[in-house]
Amino acid sequence: MEGVATLRTVVLGHRNGLRSEVTSGLEAGEQVLTHPSDQVSDGTSIRFRD
């Protein structure tokens, strides 16, 4: 799937070393880029992998 990166502010709830709960700032079904490189900014074209 291809798209464009959009900078968002999210609020995190519970966290551990593997997972974080997002309590607000996302809609159901949206995909998240969790560890972007320095080359990714708002508006950068991206492609998601399975």
N, C-alpha and C. Protein backbone atom coordinates (compact mmCIF):
# COMPACT_ATOMS: atom_id res chain seq x y z
N MET A 1 0.84 -1.17 0.00
CA MET A 1 0.00 0.00 0.00
C MET A 1 0.89 1.24 0.00
N GLU A 2 0.55 2.21 -0.81
CA GLU A 2 1.31 3.44 -0.87
C GLU A 2 0.51 4.58 -0.27
N GLY A 3 1.20 5.59 0.23
CA GLY A 3 0.52 6.73 0.81
C GLY A 3 1.49 7.86 1.07
N VAL A 4 1.04 8.78 1.89
CA VAL A 4 1.85 9.93 2.26
C VAL A 4 1.88 10.02 3.77
N ALA A 5 3.06 10.22 4.32
CA ALA A 5 3.20 10.35 5.77
C ALA A 5 2.55 11.64 6.23
N THR A 6 1.79 11.55 7.31
CA THR A 6 1.15 12.72 7.91
C THR A 6 1.53 12.77 9.38
N LEU A 7 2.16 13.84 9.79
CA LEU A 7 2.55 14.00 11.18
C LEU A 7 1.32 14.14 12.06
N ARG A 8 1.27 13.36 13.13
CA ARG A 8 0.14 13.38 14.06
C ARG A 8 0.65 13.43 15.48
N THR A 9 -0.14 14.04 16.33
CA THR A 9 0.10 13.98 17.77
C THR A 9 -0.83 12.92 18.33
N VAL A 10 -0.29 11.97 19.07
CA VAL A 10 -1.10 10.93 19.70
C VAL A 10 -0.85 10.95 21.20
N VAL A 11 -1.81 10.42 21.95
CA VAL A 11 -1.68 10.28 23.39
C VAL A 11 -1.53 8.81 23.70
N LEU A 12 -0.48 8.47 24.45
CA LEU A 12 -0.22 7.08 24.81
C LEU A 12 -0.75 6.78 26.20
N GLY A 13 -1.28 5.56 26.34
CA GLY A 13 -1.74 5.07 27.64
C GLY A 13 -0.69 4.12 28.20
N HIS A 14 -1.09 2.89 28.41
CA HIS A 14 -0.20 1.88 28.97
C HIS A 14 0.91 1.54 27.98
N ARG A 15 2.12 1.35 28.49
CA ARG A 15 3.27 0.99 27.66
C ARG A 15 4.11 -0.06 28.37
N ASN A 16 4.73 -0.92 27.57
CA ASN A 16 5.75 -1.83 28.08
C ASN A 16 6.85 -1.86 27.04
N GLY A 17 7.79 -2.75 27.14
CA GLY A 17 8.90 -2.78 26.21
C GLY A 17 8.54 -3.17 24.79
N LEU A 18 7.35 -3.72 24.57
CA LEU A 18 6.95 -4.21 23.25
C LEU A 18 5.78 -3.47 22.63
N ARG A 19 4.88 -2.96 23.43
CA ARG A 19 3.65 -2.37 22.92
C ARG A 19 3.31 -1.07 23.62
N SER A 20 2.56 -0.22 22.90
CA SER A 20 2.04 1.03 23.47
C SER A 20 0.57 1.14 23.11
N GLU A 21 -0.22 1.59 24.05
CA GLU A 21 -1.63 1.83 23.82
C GLU A 21 -1.80 3.28 23.37
N VAL A 22 -2.46 3.50 22.22
CA VAL A 22 -2.77 4.84 21.75
C VAL A 22 -4.20 5.13 22.20
N THR A 23 -4.36 6.14 23.06
CA THR A 23 -5.69 6.44 23.60
C THR A 23 -6.41 7.52 22.81
N SER A 24 -5.68 8.34 22.05
CA SER A 24 -6.34 9.32 21.17
C SER A 24 -5.36 9.78 20.11
N GLY A 25 -5.91 10.31 19.02
CA GLY A 25 -5.10 10.83 17.93
C GLY A 25 -5.11 10.00 16.68
N LEU A 26 -5.74 8.81 16.73
CA LEU A 26 -5.85 7.93 15.57
C LEU A 26 -7.29 7.46 15.41
N GLU A 27 -7.64 7.16 14.16
CA GLU A 27 -8.93 6.54 13.87
C GLU A 27 -8.72 5.05 13.67
N ALA A 28 -9.74 4.25 13.93
CA ALA A 28 -9.66 2.81 13.74
C ALA A 28 -9.25 2.48 12.31
N GLY A 29 -8.30 1.56 12.15
CA GLY A 29 -7.87 1.10 10.84
C GLY A 29 -6.72 1.89 10.23
N GLU A 30 -6.33 3.01 10.83
CA GLU A 30 -5.20 3.77 10.29
C GLU A 30 -3.90 3.02 10.52
N GLN A 31 -2.97 3.14 9.59
CA GLN A 31 -1.67 2.50 9.73
C GLN A 31 -0.69 3.48 10.34
N VAL A 32 0.26 2.94 11.11
CA VAL A 32 1.19 3.77 11.86
C VAL A 32 2.62 3.40 11.50
N LEU A 33 3.42 4.39 11.22
CA LEU A 33 4.85 4.21 10.99
C LEU A 33 5.52 4.41 12.35
N THR A 34 5.94 3.32 12.97
CA THR A 34 6.39 3.39 14.36
C THR A 34 7.84 3.80 14.54
N HIS A 35 8.69 3.50 13.58
CA HIS A 35 10.12 3.83 13.69
C HIS A 35 10.61 4.45 12.39
N PRO A 36 10.18 5.68 12.08
CA PRO A 36 10.59 6.30 10.82
C PRO A 36 12.06 6.71 10.85
N SER A 37 12.68 6.72 9.69
CA SER A 37 14.06 7.20 9.59
C SER A 37 14.04 8.73 9.57
N ASP A 38 15.20 9.33 9.61
CA ASP A 38 15.33 10.78 9.53
C ASP A 38 14.88 11.31 8.17
N GLN A 39 14.73 10.44 7.20
CA GLN A 39 14.33 10.84 5.85
C GLN A 39 12.82 10.97 5.69
N VAL A 40 12.06 10.58 6.71
CA VAL A 40 10.60 10.66 6.65
C VAL A 40 10.13 11.88 7.42
N SER A 41 9.34 12.71 6.75
CA SER A 41 8.74 13.88 7.38
C SER A 41 7.31 14.02 6.86
N ASP A 42 6.60 15.01 7.35
CA ASP A 42 5.22 15.24 6.92
C ASP A 42 5.19 15.44 5.40
N GLY A 43 4.41 14.64 4.70
CA GLY A 43 4.29 14.75 3.25
C GLY A 43 5.17 13.81 2.45
N THR A 44 6.03 13.03 3.10
CA THR A 44 6.90 12.08 2.41
C THR A 44 6.08 10.92 1.85
N SER A 45 6.33 10.54 0.61
CA SER A 45 5.68 9.36 0.02
C SER A 45 6.22 8.11 0.70
N ILE A 46 5.33 7.19 1.07
CA ILE A 46 5.74 5.96 1.74
C ILE A 46 5.01 4.77 1.14
N ARG A 47 5.57 3.59 1.34
CA ARG A 47 4.96 2.35 0.91
C ARG A 47 5.03 1.38 2.09
N PHE A 48 3.89 0.82 2.49
CA PHE A 48 3.84 -0.13 3.60
C PHE A 48 4.14 -1.53 3.09
N ARG A 49 4.85 -2.31 3.89
CA ARG A 49 5.15 -3.71 3.58
C ARG A 49 4.37 -4.60 4.52
N ASP A 50 4.13 -5.81 4.09
CA ASP A 50 3.50 -6.81 4.96
C ASP A 50 4.52 -7.48 5.81
